[in-house]
């Protein structure tokens, strides 16, 4: 049995799809980490950046896939 793969049989889109999937997972992980970190900030730190606990609660309650 031959292990030769004809050029027309190779999926040329796979590397792009794989890269996009990795990029999406990276963004989701960043959102999760950022929201978790913000939820641990003090009232003073939130005031310094112009945010309130209600702003942070709203953001922290979002699922990681939602921007």
N, C-alpha and C. Protein backbone atom coordinates (compact mmCIF):
# COMPACT_ATOMS: atom_id res chain seq x y z
N UNK A 1 0.85 -1.16 0.00
CA UNK A 1 0.00 0.00 0.00
C UNK A 1 0.90 1.24 0.00
N UNK A 2 0.58 2.19 -0.81
CA UNK A 2 1.39 3.39 -0.95
C UNK A 2 1.01 4.43 0.10
N UNK A 3 2.01 5.14 0.62
CA UNK A 3 1.76 6.22 1.57
C UNK A 3 1.78 7.57 0.86
N UNK A 4 1.87 7.55 -0.46
CA UNK A 4 1.89 8.78 -1.25
C UNK A 4 0.54 9.48 -1.15
N UNK A 5 0.56 10.76 -0.87
CA UNK A 5 -0.66 11.56 -0.82
C UNK A 5 -0.62 12.55 -1.97
N UNK A 6 -1.62 12.49 -2.79
CA UNK A 6 -1.70 13.39 -3.92
C UNK A 6 -1.96 14.80 -3.43
N UNK A 7 -1.34 15.80 -4.05
CA UNK A 7 -1.46 17.20 -3.67
C UNK A 7 -2.92 17.64 -3.60
N UNK A 8 -3.76 17.16 -4.48
CA UNK A 8 -5.16 17.58 -4.50
C UNK A 8 -5.95 17.02 -3.32
N UNK A 9 -5.39 16.05 -2.60
CA UNK A 9 -6.09 15.44 -1.48
C UNK A 9 -5.76 16.13 -0.14
N UNK A 10 -4.84 17.05 -0.14
CA UNK A 10 -4.44 17.73 1.08
C UNK A 10 -5.41 18.87 1.36
N UNK A 11 -5.84 18.96 2.59
CA UNK A 11 -6.75 20.03 3.01
C UNK A 11 -5.91 21.27 3.31
N UNK A 12 -5.93 22.24 2.42
CA UNK A 12 -5.12 23.44 2.57
C UNK A 12 -5.75 24.43 3.54
N UNK A 13 -6.99 24.20 3.97
CA UNK A 13 -7.67 25.11 4.88
C UNK A 13 -7.44 24.75 6.33
N UNK A 14 -6.99 23.56 6.60
CA UNK A 14 -6.84 23.10 7.98
C UNK A 14 -5.92 24.00 8.82
N UNK A 15 -4.74 24.40 8.35
CA UNK A 15 -3.90 25.25 9.19
C UNK A 15 -4.58 26.56 9.55
N UNK A 16 -5.32 27.15 8.63
CA UNK A 16 -6.03 28.39 8.90
C UNK A 16 -7.14 28.20 9.93
N UNK A 17 -7.88 27.13 9.81
CA UNK A 17 -8.96 26.85 10.76
C UNK A 17 -8.39 26.56 12.14
N UNK A 18 -7.31 25.82 12.17
CA UNK A 18 -6.66 25.49 13.44
C UNK A 18 -6.16 26.76 14.11
N UNK A 19 -5.55 27.63 13.33
CA UNK A 19 -5.03 28.89 13.85
C UNK A 19 -6.17 29.77 14.38
N UNK A 20 -7.27 29.82 13.66
CA UNK A 20 -8.43 30.60 14.10
C UNK A 20 -9.00 30.05 15.40
N UNK A 21 -9.06 28.73 15.50
CA UNK A 21 -9.57 28.10 16.72
C UNK A 21 -8.67 28.43 17.90
N UNK A 22 -7.38 28.36 17.70
CA UNK A 22 -6.44 28.71 18.78
C UNK A 22 -6.57 30.17 19.18
N UNK A 23 -6.73 31.05 18.19
CA UNK A 23 -6.90 32.48 18.47
C UNK A 23 -8.17 32.72 19.30
N UNK A 24 -9.25 32.04 18.94
CA UNK A 24 -10.51 32.18 19.66
C UNK A 24 -10.37 31.68 21.10
N UNK A 25 -9.73 30.53 21.27
CA UNK A 25 -9.51 30.01 22.63
C UNK A 25 -8.66 30.96 23.46
N UNK A 26 -7.68 31.58 22.83
CA UNK A 26 -6.82 32.54 23.53
C UNK A 26 -7.62 33.76 23.99
N UNK A 27 -8.47 34.28 23.13
CA UNK A 27 -9.31 35.43 23.48
C UNK A 27 -10.25 35.06 24.63
N UNK A 28 -10.88 33.89 24.55
CA UNK A 28 -11.78 33.46 25.61
C UNK A 28 -11.05 33.35 26.94
N UNK A 29 -9.84 32.81 26.92
CA UNK A 29 -9.06 32.66 28.15
C UNK A 29 -8.69 34.03 28.71
N UNK A 30 -8.32 34.96 27.85
CA UNK A 30 -8.00 36.32 28.30
C UNK A 30 -9.21 36.97 28.97
N UNK A 31 -10.39 36.82 28.37
CA UNK A 31 -11.61 37.40 28.94
C UNK A 31 -11.89 36.81 30.32
N UNK A 32 -11.77 35.48 30.41
CA UNK A 32 -12.01 34.81 31.68
C UNK A 32 -11.07 35.33 32.76
N UNK A 33 -9.79 35.44 32.44
CA UNK A 33 -8.80 35.89 33.42
C UNK A 33 -9.03 37.35 33.81
N UNK A 34 -9.31 38.20 32.83
CA UNK A 34 -9.52 39.62 33.10
C UNK A 34 -10.75 39.83 33.98
N UNK A 35 -11.83 39.12 33.70
CA UNK A 35 -13.05 39.27 34.49
C UNK A 35 -12.86 38.74 35.90
N UNK A 36 -12.15 37.65 36.02
CA UNK A 36 -11.87 37.09 37.35
C UNK A 36 -11.00 38.06 38.16
N UNK A 37 -10.00 38.65 37.52
CA UNK A 37 -9.13 39.60 38.21
C UNK A 37 -9.90 40.85 38.63
N UNK A 38 -10.71 41.40 37.74
CA UNK A 38 -11.49 42.59 38.08
C UNK A 38 -12.42 42.35 39.26
N UNK A 39 -12.96 41.15 39.35
CA UNK A 39 -13.89 40.85 40.45
C UNK A 39 -13.18 40.83 41.80
N UNK A 40 -11.85 40.82 41.81
CA UNK A 40 -11.09 40.80 43.06
C UNK A 40 -10.52 42.18 43.42
N UNK A 41 -10.74 43.16 42.60
CA UNK A 41 -10.21 44.50 42.87
C UNK A 41 -10.97 45.15 44.02
N UNK A 42 -10.29 46.04 44.71
CA UNK A 42 -10.91 46.78 45.82
C UNK A 42 -11.75 47.95 45.26
N UNK A 43 -12.58 48.49 46.15
CA UNK A 43 -13.40 49.64 45.78
C UNK A 43 -12.52 50.80 45.33
N UNK A 44 -11.40 51.00 46.00
CA UNK A 44 -10.46 52.08 45.66
C UNK A 44 -9.88 51.88 44.26
N UNK A 45 -9.47 50.66 43.94
CA UNK A 45 -8.91 50.38 42.61
C UNK A 45 -9.95 50.60 41.52
N UNK A 46 -11.16 50.19 41.78
CA UNK A 46 -12.24 50.40 40.80
C UNK A 46 -12.53 51.88 40.63
N UNK A 47 -12.51 52.61 41.72
CA UNK A 47 -12.74 54.06 41.64
C UNK A 47 -11.65 54.71 40.80
N UNK A 48 -10.40 54.26 40.95
CA UNK A 48 -9.28 54.83 40.20
C UNK A 48 -9.46 54.67 38.69
N UNK A 49 -10.12 53.61 38.26
CA UNK A 49 -10.32 53.41 36.82
C UNK A 49 -11.72 53.84 36.37
N UNK A 50 -12.48 54.41 37.31
CA UNK A 50 -13.80 54.93 36.96
C UNK A 50 -14.88 53.88 36.82
N UNK A 51 -14.76 52.79 37.56
CA UNK A 51 -15.76 51.71 37.52
C UNK A 51 -16.34 51.49 38.90
N UNK A 52 -17.53 50.92 38.93
CA UNK A 52 -18.19 50.60 40.20
C UNK A 52 -18.35 49.08 40.30
N UNK A 53 -18.77 48.64 41.49
CA UNK A 53 -18.99 47.21 41.66
C UNK A 53 -20.08 46.70 40.73
N UNK A 54 -21.08 47.51 40.46
CA UNK A 54 -22.16 47.06 39.57
C UNK A 54 -21.64 46.86 38.15
N UNK A 55 -20.71 47.73 37.71
CA UNK A 55 -20.09 47.55 36.39
C UNK A 55 -19.34 46.22 36.34
N UNK A 56 -18.60 45.95 37.40
CA UNK A 56 -17.78 44.73 37.44
C UNK A 56 -18.67 43.50 37.55
N UNK A 57 -19.72 43.58 38.36
CA UNK A 57 -20.64 42.45 38.50
C UNK A 57 -21.28 42.11 37.16
N UNK A 58 -21.68 43.14 36.43
CA UNK A 58 -22.27 42.92 35.10
C UNK A 58 -21.27 42.23 34.17
N UNK A 59 -20.04 42.72 34.18
CA UNK A 59 -19.01 42.15 33.31
C UNK A 59 -18.64 40.73 33.74
N UNK A 60 -18.51 40.52 35.04
CA UNK A 60 -18.10 39.20 35.56
C UNK A 60 -19.16 38.13 35.33
N UNK A 61 -20.42 38.54 35.25
CA UNK A 61 -21.50 37.58 35.03
C UNK A 61 -21.62 37.11 33.59
N UNK A 62 -20.94 37.77 32.68
CA UNK A 62 -20.99 37.37 31.28
C UNK A 62 -20.23 36.06 31.08
N UNK A 63 -20.71 35.20 30.19
CA UNK A 63 -19.93 34.00 29.85
C UNK A 63 -18.66 34.40 29.09
N UNK A 64 -17.64 33.60 29.17
CA UNK A 64 -16.35 33.95 28.58
C UNK A 64 -16.41 34.14 27.08
N UNK A 65 -17.38 33.57 26.42
CA UNK A 65 -17.44 33.69 24.96
C UNK A 65 -18.12 34.99 24.50
N UNK A 66 -18.74 35.70 25.44
CA UNK A 66 -19.41 36.95 25.08
C UNK A 66 -18.50 38.13 25.35
N UNK A 67 -18.36 39.00 24.35
CA UNK A 67 -17.50 40.18 24.49
C UNK A 67 -18.17 41.23 25.32
